[in-house]
């Protein structure tokens, strides 16, 4: 009886753990991503090599590893944390946007928290 009970418990745990593994949504972007904004100008590239390259437009640049986490929210795609002390964070959304009125639409919006301020812009694959 004990081997049968043990087998049932192990089967239950295996099924439960398989369901606990997060599945990446088709909407979750994969690196590389190129993002940027105006007023003030800034740029961010999330590379396939795991490096975030950020420029604030004032000549200050930062290159560091980044982590991206998928959101379970329907309007947010993912969040990225980077910077020398993980002090820069970004949220990428599903909304199409353009940086200027004459700019073509990009498939994703982005908000970046940097030096106590909020920057907004757009992202696209590549």
N, C-alpha and C. Protein backbone atom coordinates (compact mmCIF):
# COMPACT_ATOMS: atom_id res chain seq x y z
N UNK A 1 0.82 -1.20 0.00
CA UNK A 1 0.00 0.00 0.00
C UNK A 1 0.87 1.26 0.00
N UNK A 2 1.97 1.26 0.78
CA UNK A 2 2.83 2.45 0.85
C UNK A 2 3.46 2.78 -0.50
N UNK A 3 3.93 1.79 -1.30
CA UNK A 3 4.49 2.15 -2.61
C UNK A 3 3.44 2.77 -3.53
N UNK A 4 2.21 2.32 -3.46
CA UNK A 4 1.15 2.88 -4.30
C UNK A 4 0.86 4.32 -3.88
N UNK A 5 0.78 4.57 -2.58
CA UNK A 5 0.54 5.92 -2.06
C UNK A 5 1.69 6.84 -2.45
N UNK A 6 2.91 6.35 -2.33
CA UNK A 6 4.08 7.15 -2.70
C UNK A 6 4.05 7.49 -4.19
N UNK A 7 3.65 6.54 -5.03
CA UNK A 7 3.57 6.78 -6.47
C UNK A 7 2.51 7.83 -6.78
N UNK A 8 1.38 7.78 -6.09
CA UNK A 8 0.32 8.77 -6.30
C UNK A 8 0.80 10.15 -5.90
N UNK A 9 1.47 10.25 -4.75
CA UNK A 9 1.98 11.55 -4.28
C UNK A 9 3.02 12.09 -5.25
N UNK A 10 3.94 11.25 -5.72
CA UNK A 10 4.97 11.70 -6.66
C UNK A 10 4.35 12.17 -7.98
N UNK A 11 3.33 11.46 -8.45
CA UNK A 11 2.65 11.87 -9.68
C UNK A 11 1.98 13.22 -9.48
N UNK A 12 1.31 13.43 -8.34
CA UNK A 12 0.66 14.70 -8.03
C UNK A 12 1.68 15.83 -7.99
N UNK A 13 2.81 15.61 -7.32
CA UNK A 13 3.84 16.65 -7.23
C UNK A 13 4.42 16.97 -8.60
N UNK A 14 4.65 15.96 -9.42
CA UNK A 14 5.21 16.19 -10.76
C UNK A 14 4.25 17.03 -11.60
N UNK A 15 2.96 16.71 -11.56
CA UNK A 15 1.97 17.48 -12.32
C UNK A 15 1.87 18.89 -11.77
N UNK A 16 1.84 19.07 -10.45
CA UNK A 16 1.75 20.40 -9.84
C UNK A 16 2.95 21.25 -10.20
N UNK A 17 4.15 20.68 -10.15
CA UNK A 17 5.36 21.45 -10.47
C UNK A 17 5.40 21.81 -11.94
N UNK A 18 4.92 20.92 -12.80
CA UNK A 18 4.90 21.23 -14.24
C UNK A 18 3.99 22.41 -14.51
N UNK A 19 2.88 22.50 -13.78
CA UNK A 19 1.96 23.62 -13.97
C UNK A 19 2.51 24.91 -13.40
N UNK A 20 3.44 24.84 -12.43
CA UNK A 20 3.98 26.03 -11.78
C UNK A 20 5.03 26.73 -12.64
N UNK A 21 5.56 26.08 -13.66
CA UNK A 21 6.57 26.68 -14.51
C UNK A 21 5.92 27.77 -15.35
N UNK A 22 6.41 29.03 -15.27
CA UNK A 22 5.79 30.10 -16.03
C UNK A 22 5.99 29.89 -17.53
N UNK A 23 4.93 30.10 -18.28
CA UNK A 23 4.99 29.97 -19.73
C UNK A 23 5.10 31.37 -20.30
N UNK A 24 6.06 31.57 -21.19
CA UNK A 24 6.25 32.89 -21.77
C UNK A 24 5.13 33.17 -22.76
N UNK A 25 4.54 34.34 -22.61
CA UNK A 25 3.46 34.76 -23.48
C UNK A 25 4.01 35.10 -24.86
N UNK A 26 3.22 34.88 -25.92
CA UNK A 26 3.70 35.27 -27.25
C UNK A 26 3.92 36.77 -27.38
N UNK A 27 3.30 37.56 -26.49
CA UNK A 27 3.47 39.01 -26.54
C UNK A 27 4.77 39.47 -25.87
N UNK A 28 5.41 38.61 -25.08
CA UNK A 28 6.62 39.02 -24.38
C UNK A 28 7.73 39.24 -25.39
N UNK A 29 8.33 40.43 -25.39
CA UNK A 29 9.37 40.71 -26.38
C UNK A 29 10.64 39.94 -26.05
N UNK A 30 11.38 39.62 -27.07
CA UNK A 30 12.69 39.02 -26.87
C UNK A 30 13.73 39.99 -27.38
N UNK A 31 14.86 40.00 -26.72
CA UNK A 31 15.94 40.88 -27.14
C UNK A 31 16.46 40.39 -28.49
N UNK A 32 16.95 41.28 -29.34
CA UNK A 32 17.22 42.68 -29.07
C UNK A 32 16.00 43.58 -29.27
N UNK A 33 15.94 44.61 -28.45
CA UNK A 33 14.93 45.66 -28.56
C UNK A 33 15.65 47.00 -28.60
N UNK A 34 15.17 47.89 -29.45
CA UNK A 34 15.70 49.25 -29.51
C UNK A 34 14.60 50.19 -29.08
N UNK A 35 14.90 51.02 -28.08
CA UNK A 35 13.90 51.94 -27.51
C UNK A 35 14.48 53.34 -27.45
N UNK A 36 13.60 54.33 -27.38
CA UNK A 36 14.07 55.70 -27.25
C UNK A 36 12.93 56.67 -27.11
N UNK A 37 13.31 57.91 -26.78
CA UNK A 37 12.33 58.96 -26.61
C UNK A 37 12.96 60.33 -26.78
N UNK A 38 12.12 61.35 -26.82
CA UNK A 38 12.55 62.75 -26.95
C UNK A 38 12.08 63.54 -25.75
N UNK A 39 12.68 64.73 -25.61
CA UNK A 39 12.30 65.71 -24.58
C UNK A 39 12.33 65.13 -23.17
N UNK A 40 13.45 64.77 -22.65
CA UNK A 40 14.78 64.81 -23.27
C UNK A 40 15.04 63.57 -24.11
N UNK A 41 16.01 63.71 -25.03
CA UNK A 41 16.38 62.58 -25.86
C UNK A 41 17.04 61.51 -24.98
N UNK A 42 16.73 60.26 -25.23
CA UNK A 42 17.39 59.13 -24.56
C UNK A 42 17.26 57.90 -25.45
N UNK A 43 18.12 56.92 -25.23
CA UNK A 43 18.02 55.68 -26.00
C UNK A 43 18.38 54.49 -25.11
N UNK A 44 17.82 53.36 -25.46
CA UNK A 44 18.06 52.12 -24.72
C UNK A 44 18.06 50.97 -25.71
N UNK A 45 19.06 50.14 -25.61
CA UNK A 45 19.09 48.90 -26.42
C UNK A 45 19.24 47.73 -25.47
N UNK A 46 18.29 46.82 -25.53
CA UNK A 46 18.35 45.58 -24.77
C UNK A 46 18.85 44.52 -25.73
N UNK A 47 20.11 44.13 -25.57
CA UNK A 47 20.76 43.24 -26.52
C UNK A 47 20.51 41.76 -26.27
N UNK A 48 20.64 40.99 -27.33
CA UNK A 48 20.52 39.53 -27.22
C UNK A 48 21.64 38.96 -26.36
N UNK A 49 22.70 39.74 -26.14
CA UNK A 49 23.82 39.31 -25.30
C UNK A 49 23.56 39.53 -23.81
N UNK A 50 22.35 40.02 -23.47
CA UNK A 50 22.00 40.25 -22.07
C UNK A 50 22.48 41.59 -21.52
N UNK A 51 22.97 42.47 -22.40
CA UNK A 51 23.46 43.78 -21.98
C UNK A 51 22.46 44.87 -22.33
N UNK A 52 22.23 45.77 -21.37
CA UNK A 52 21.42 46.97 -21.61
C UNK A 52 22.38 48.12 -21.85
N UNK A 53 22.17 48.85 -22.93
CA UNK A 53 23.00 50.01 -23.25
C UNK A 53 22.08 51.23 -23.23
N UNK A 54 22.30 52.10 -22.24
CA UNK A 54 21.42 53.25 -22.03
C UNK A 54 22.21 54.53 -22.20
N UNK A 55 21.63 55.50 -22.89
CA UNK A 55 22.22 56.82 -23.04
C UNK A 55 21.15 57.85 -22.69
N UNK A 56 21.51 58.80 -21.81
CA UNK A 56 20.51 59.77 -21.38
C UNK A 56 20.47 61.02 -22.26
N UNK A 57 21.28 61.08 -23.30
CA UNK A 57 21.25 62.23 -24.20
C UNK A 57 22.14 63.37 -23.75
N UNK A 58 22.61 63.34 -22.49
CA UNK A 58 23.52 64.37 -21.99
C UNK A 58 24.96 63.86 -21.99
N UNK A 59 25.20 62.77 -22.70
CA UNK A 59 26.54 62.21 -22.77
C UNK A 59 26.80 61.13 -21.73
N UNK A 60 25.85 60.91 -20.84
CA UNK A 60 26.03 59.87 -19.83
C UNK A 60 25.49 58.56 -20.37
N UNK A 61 26.34 57.54 -20.37
CA UNK A 61 25.94 56.23 -20.87
C UNK A 61 26.17 55.17 -19.80
N UNK A 62 25.44 54.10 -19.93
CA UNK A 62 25.55 53.00 -18.98
C UNK A 62 25.38 51.69 -19.74
N UNK A 63 26.27 50.75 -19.48
CA UNK A 63 26.13 49.41 -20.04
C UNK A 63 26.17 48.43 -18.89
N UNK A 64 25.17 47.60 -18.80
CA UNK A 64 25.10 46.63 -17.70
C UNK A 64 24.21 45.47 -18.11
N UNK A 65 24.26 44.42 -17.35
CA UNK A 65 23.36 43.29 -17.57
C UNK A 65 21.94 43.72 -17.23
N UNK A 66 20.96 43.10 -17.86
CA UNK A 66 19.58 43.39 -17.52
C UNK A 66 18.83 42.10 -17.28
N UNK A 67 17.76 42.21 -16.52
CA UNK A 67 16.84 41.10 -16.35
C UNK A 67 15.48 41.56 -16.83
N UNK A 68 14.77 40.67 -17.47
CA UNK A 68 13.43 41.00 -17.95
C UNK A 68 12.45 40.02 -17.32
N UNK A 69 11.37 40.56 -16.80
CA UNK A 69 10.35 39.74 -16.18
C UNK A 69 9.03 39.95 -16.90
N UNK A 70 8.38 38.84 -17.19
CA UNK A 70 7.09 38.90 -17.86
C UNK A 70 6.02 39.31 -16.87
N UNK A 71 5.09 40.10 -17.34
CA UNK A 71 3.95 40.51 -16.53
C UNK A 71 2.77 39.61 -16.85
N UNK A 72 1.93 39.38 -15.88
CA UNK A 72 0.69 38.63 -16.12
C UNK A 72 -0.46 39.60 -16.45
N UNK A 73 -0.14 40.87 -16.50
CA UNK A 73 -1.12 41.91 -16.81
C UNK A 73 -1.33 41.96 -18.32
N UNK A 74 -2.54 42.21 -18.75
CA UNK A 74 -2.81 42.21 -20.19
C UNK A 74 -2.29 43.46 -20.89
N UNK A 75 -2.03 44.55 -20.15
CA UNK A 75 -1.55 45.76 -20.81
C UNK A 75 -0.04 45.92 -20.73
N UNK A 76 0.62 45.20 -19.85
CA UNK A 76 2.07 45.30 -19.72
C UNK A 76 2.71 44.04 -20.26
N UNK A 77 3.78 44.21 -21.00
CA UNK A 77 4.49 43.05 -21.54
C UNK A 77 5.52 42.56 -20.54
N UNK A 78 6.40 43.46 -20.11
CA UNK A 78 7.51 43.01 -19.28
C UNK A 78 8.14 44.20 -18.58
N UNK A 79 8.98 43.90 -17.61
CA UNK A 79 9.77 44.91 -16.93
C UNK A 79 11.23 44.56 -17.08
N UNK A 80 12.10 45.57 -17.14
CA UNK A 80 13.54 45.34 -17.23
C UNK A 80 14.21 46.16 -16.14
N UNK A 81 15.20 45.57 -15.49
CA UNK A 81 15.97 46.26 -14.46
C UNK A 81 17.43 46.22 -14.89
N UNK A 82 18.11 47.37 -14.84
CA UNK A 82 19.50 47.42 -15.25
C UNK A 82 20.17 48.61 -14.58
N UNK A 83 21.40 48.88 -14.92
CA UNK A 83 22.17 49.94 -14.29
C UNK A 83 23.20 49.34 -13.35
N UNK A 84 24.21 50.12 -13.02
CA UNK A 84 25.31 49.60 -12.21
C UNK A 84 24.84 49.07 -10.87
N UNK A 85 23.79 49.62 -10.33
CA UNK A 85 23.24 49.16 -9.04
C UNK A 85 21.79 48.73 -9.21
N UNK A 86 21.43 48.28 -10.40
CA UNK A 86 20.04 47.95 -10.72
C UNK A 86 19.14 49.12 -10.36
N UNK A 87 19.63 50.32 -10.64
CA UNK A 87 18.92 51.54 -10.26
C UNK A 87 18.09 52.14 -11.39
N UNK A 88 18.06 51.49 -12.53
CA UNK A 88 17.24 51.95 -13.64
C UNK A 88 16.23 50.85 -13.93
N UNK A 89 14.97 51.22 -14.04
CA UNK A 89 13.96 50.21 -14.34
C UNK A 89 13.05 50.72 -15.45
N UNK A 90 12.46 49.77 -16.16
CA UNK A 90 11.61 50.12 -17.29
C UNK A 90 10.42 49.18 -17.35
N UNK A 91 9.31 49.69 -17.86
CA UNK A 91 8.12 48.88 -18.09
C UNK A 91 7.76 49.03 -19.56
N UNK A 92 7.59 47.90 -20.23
CA UNK A 92 7.27 47.87 -21.65
C UNK A 92 5.81 47.48 -21.81
N UNK A 93 5.06 48.26 -22.60
CA UNK A 93 3.63 48.02 -22.76
C UNK A 93 3.25 47.64 -24.18
N UNK A 94 2.02 47.16 -24.33
CA UNK A 94 1.49 46.73 -25.63
C UNK A 94 1.12 47.88 -26.56
N UNK A 95 0.99 49.08 -26.06
CA UNK A 95 0.47 50.19 -26.87
C UNK A 95 1.45 50.58 -27.97
N UNK A 96 0.92 50.79 -29.17
CA UNK A 96 1.76 51.34 -30.22
C UNK A 96 1.96 52.82 -29.91
N UNK A 97 3.09 53.35 -30.34
CA UNK A 97 3.35 54.76 -30.07
C UNK A 97 4.34 55.31 -31.09
N UNK A 98 4.46 56.62 -31.11
CA UNK A 98 5.47 57.28 -31.92
C UNK A 98 6.07 58.39 -31.07
N UNK A 99 7.35 58.61 -31.25
CA UNK A 99 8.06 59.61 -30.46
C UNK A 99 7.68 61.02 -30.90
N UNK A 100 7.54 61.22 -32.20
CA UNK A 100 7.13 62.52 -32.73
C UNK A 100 5.94 62.32 -33.66
N UNK A 101 5.27 63.40 -34.01
CA UNK A 101 4.10 63.31 -34.88
C UNK A 101 4.46 62.75 -36.26
N UNK A 102 5.68 63.01 -36.72
CA UNK A 102 6.09 62.54 -38.05
C UNK A 102 6.71 61.14 -38.00
N UNK A 103 6.89 60.60 -36.82
CA UNK A 103 7.52 59.29 -36.65
C UNK A 103 6.52 58.18 -36.93
N UNK A 104 6.98 57.07 -37.52
CA UNK A 104 6.09 55.94 -37.73
C UNK A 104 5.85 55.23 -36.41
N UNK A 105 4.70 54.57 -36.31
CA UNK A 105 4.34 53.89 -35.07
C UNK A 105 5.29 52.73 -34.78
N UNK A 106 5.65 52.61 -33.52
CA UNK A 106 6.43 51.48 -33.02
C UNK A 106 5.46 50.57 -32.29
N UNK A 107 5.74 49.26 -32.21
CA UNK A 107 4.77 48.33 -31.64
C UNK A 107 4.64 48.33 -30.11
N UNK A 108 5.58 48.98 -29.41
CA UNK A 108 5.56 48.95 -27.95
C UNK A 108 5.86 50.32 -27.37
N UNK A 109 5.29 50.59 -26.20
CA UNK A 109 5.63 51.80 -25.46
C UNK A 109 6.54 51.40 -24.31
N UNK A 110 7.28 52.37 -23.77
CA UNK A 110 8.17 52.10 -22.65
C UNK A 110 8.19 53.30 -21.72
N UNK A 111 8.25 53.02 -20.43
CA UNK A 111 8.47 54.05 -19.40
C UNK A 111 9.72 53.65 -18.64
N UNK A 112 10.65 54.60 -18.48
CA UNK A 112 11.93 54.34 -17.82
C UNK A 112 12.06 55.26 -16.61
N UNK A 113 12.36 54.68 -15.45
CA UNK A 113 12.65 55.46 -14.25
C UNK A 113 14.15 55.62 -14.17
N UNK A 114 14.62 56.88 -14.22
CA UNK A 114 16.05 57.17 -14.27
C UNK A 114 16.33 58.43 -13.47
N UNK A 115 17.22 58.35 -12.52
CA UNK A 115 17.62 59.49 -11.68
C UNK A 115 16.41 60.22 -11.10
N UNK A 116 15.46 59.48 -10.59
CA UNK A 116 14.30 60.08 -9.94
C UNK A 116 13.26 60.65 -10.89
N UNK A 117 13.47 60.50 -12.19
CA UNK A 117 12.52 61.02 -13.16
C UNK A 117 11.94 59.92 -14.03
N UNK A 118 10.89 60.23 -14.73
CA UNK A 118 10.22 59.27 -15.60
C UNK A 118 10.39 59.70 -17.05
N UNK A 119 10.93 58.80 -17.86
CA UNK A 119 11.10 59.03 -19.29
C UNK A 119 10.11 58.13 -20.03
N UNK A 120 9.55 58.62 -21.11
CA UNK A 120 8.64 57.79 -21.90
C UNK A 120 9.13 57.73 -23.33
N UNK A 121 8.79 56.64 -23.99
CA UNK A 121 9.21 56.47 -25.37
C UNK A 121 8.60 55.24 -25.99
N UNK A 122 9.25 54.76 -27.04
CA UNK A 122 8.74 53.64 -27.83
C UNK A 122 9.84 52.60 -28.03
N UNK A 123 9.42 51.37 -28.32
CA UNK A 123 10.36 50.27 -28.59
C UNK A 123 9.96 49.52 -29.84
N UNK A 124 10.95 48.91 -30.45
CA UNK A 124 10.71 48.03 -31.58
C UNK A 124 11.78 46.94 -31.57
N UNK A 125 11.47 45.79 -32.16
CA UNK A 125 12.49 44.74 -32.25
C UNK A 125 13.67 45.21 -33.09
N UNK A 126 14.84 44.75 -32.73
CA UNK A 126 16.02 45.06 -33.53
C UNK A 126 17.04 45.91 -32.90
